Amino acid sequence: MSEAVPLKIYYRIFSALMVLTAITVGIAFVDLGYLNTFVAVSIAVLKATLVLLFFMHVKYSNRLIWVFASAGFIWFIIMVAFTMSDYVGRTWVEAPIPLP
């Protein structure tokens, strides 16, 4: 990091995170069907990206830091893909009616 980051940038990023949090809360009360999860995860990924780039100073770091930060995101995508393939691949069986 060759120069100091102005506080104005931190305040803008913080404000963006607060707005995105308010949008996340607001969208939770709107029924979008199956899109609710997609919208919530998309906003969460955007917030995580802002935190990673600015508060963790990855934007101003060298390429090695970028490689490790990218590897973390790729690992997250792999884990979500495995989880979703397990969830989608299951057969859901109704619970049996208990005997009296």
Protein backbone atom coordinates (compact mmCIF):
# COMPACT_ATOMS: atom_id res chain seq x y z
CA MET A 1 0.00 0.00 0.00
CA SER A 2 1.84 3.03 -1.24
CA GLU A 3 -0.47 5.77 0.01
CA ALA A 4 -3.07 6.28 2.68
CA VAL A 5 -6.70 5.78 1.73
CA PRO A 6 -8.84 8.87 2.37
CA LEU A 7 -11.50 8.57 5.05
CA LYS A 8 -14.09 9.73 2.53
CA ILE A 9 -13.77 6.38 0.74
CA TYR A 10 -14.33 4.46 3.98
CA TYR A 11 -17.42 6.53 4.75
CA ARG A 12 -18.81 5.92 1.25
CA ILE A 13 -18.21 2.18 1.48
CA PHE A 14 -19.78 2.08 4.95
CA SER A 15 -22.80 3.99 3.62
CA ALA A 16 -23.11 1.58 0.70
CA LEU A 17 -22.97 -1.37 3.11
CA MET A 18 -25.73 0.17 5.24
CA VAL A 19 -27.90 0.79 2.18
CA LEU A 20 -27.36 -2.77 0.98
CA THR A 21 -28.24 -4.07 4.44
CA ALA A 22 -31.47 -2.03 4.39
CA ILE A 23 -32.26 -3.41 0.93
CA THR A 24 -31.65 -6.95 2.19
CA VAL A 25 -34.03 -6.42 5.11
CA GLY A 26 -36.62 -4.78 2.86
CA ILE A 27 -36.47 -7.50 0.24
CA ALA A 28 -37.05 -10.12 2.94
CA PHE A 29 -40.60 -8.81 3.32
CA VAL A 30 -41.31 -8.98 -0.44
CA ASP A 31 -42.39 -12.31 -1.88
CA LEU A 32 -40.33 -12.92 -5.01
CA GLY A 33 -40.84 -16.66 -5.02
CA TYR A 34 -37.67 -18.58 -5.69
CA LEU A 35 -35.79 -15.33 -6.43
CA ASN A 36 -35.70 -14.30 -2.75
CA THR A 37 -32.68 -16.46 -2.05
CA PHE A 38 -30.91 -15.41 -5.25
CA VAL A 39 -31.38 -11.70 -4.51
CA ALA A 40 -30.29 -12.06 -0.88
CA VAL A 41 -27.16 -14.02 -1.80
CA SER A 42 -26.33 -11.57 -4.59
CA ILE A 43 -26.50 -8.64 -2.18
CA ALA A 44 -24.43 -10.57 0.36
CA VAL A 45 -21.74 -11.30 -2.24
CA LEU A 46 -21.67 -7.62 -3.20
CA LYS A 47 -21.26 -6.61 0.45
CA ALA A 48 -18.53 -9.20 0.98
CA THR A 49 -16.72 -7.92 -2.10
CA LEU A 50 -16.81 -4.34 -0.82
CA VAL A 51 -15.47 -5.40 2.57
CA LEU A 52 -12.76 -7.52 0.97
CA LEU A 53 -11.62 -4.86 -1.47
CA PHE A 54 -11.66 -1.78 0.75
CA PHE A 55 -11.67 -2.68 4.45
CA MET A 56 -9.24 -5.56 3.99
CA HIS A 57 -7.15 -3.46 1.54
CA VAL A 58 -7.06 -6.11 -1.18
CA LYS A 59 -7.69 -3.45 -3.83
CA TYR A 60 -4.40 -1.78 -2.96
CA SER A 61 -2.36 -4.97 -2.44
CA ASN A 62 -0.01 -6.89 -4.69
CA ARG A 63 -0.97 -9.79 -6.98
CA LEU A 64 -0.21 -12.51 -4.43
CA ILE A 65 -2.90 -11.16 -2.11
CA TRP A 66 -5.31 -11.07 -5.07
CA VAL A 67 -4.54 -14.74 -5.79
CA PHE A 68 -5.33 -15.81 -2.24
CA ALA A 69 -8.47 -13.65 -2.03
CA SER A 70 -9.68 -15.08 -5.34
CA ALA A 71 -8.93 -18.59 -4.15
CA GLY A 72 -11.19 -17.97 -1.15
CA PHE A 73 -14.07 -16.93 -3.40
CA ILE A 74 -13.50 -19.89 -5.71
CA TRP A 75 -13.49 -22.24 -2.72
CA PHE A 76 -16.76 -20.67 -1.53
CA ILE A 77 -18.33 -21.25 -4.97
CA ILE A 78 -17.18 -24.89 -4.94
CA MET A 79 -18.70 -25.45 -1.50
CA VAL A 80 -22.00 -23.83 -2.50
CA ALA A 81 -22.08 -25.96 -5.67
CA PHE A 82 -21.55 -29.15 -3.64
CA THR A 83 -24.22 -28.13 -1.15
CA MET A 84 -26.73 -27.29 -3.87
CA SER A 85 -26.05 -30.52 -5.76
CA ASP A 86 -26.72 -32.46 -2.55
CA TYR A 87 -29.89 -30.49 -1.85
CA VAL A 88 -31.26 -30.78 -5.39
CA GLY A 89 -30.33 -34.45 -5.70
CA ARG A 90 -32.27 -35.60 -2.65
CA THR A 91 -35.60 -37.33 -2.88
CA TRP A 92 -38.00 -35.91 -0.36
CA VAL A 93 -40.16 -38.52 1.35
CA GLU A 94 -43.18 -37.63 3.41
CA ALA A 95 -43.02 -38.59 7.05
CA PRO A 96 -45.10 -41.68 7.91
CA ILE A 97 -48.24 -41.23 9.96
CA PRO A 98 -47.54 -42.46 13.50
CA LEU A 99 -49.60 -45.35 14.78
CA PRO A 100 -52.03 -44.64 17.65
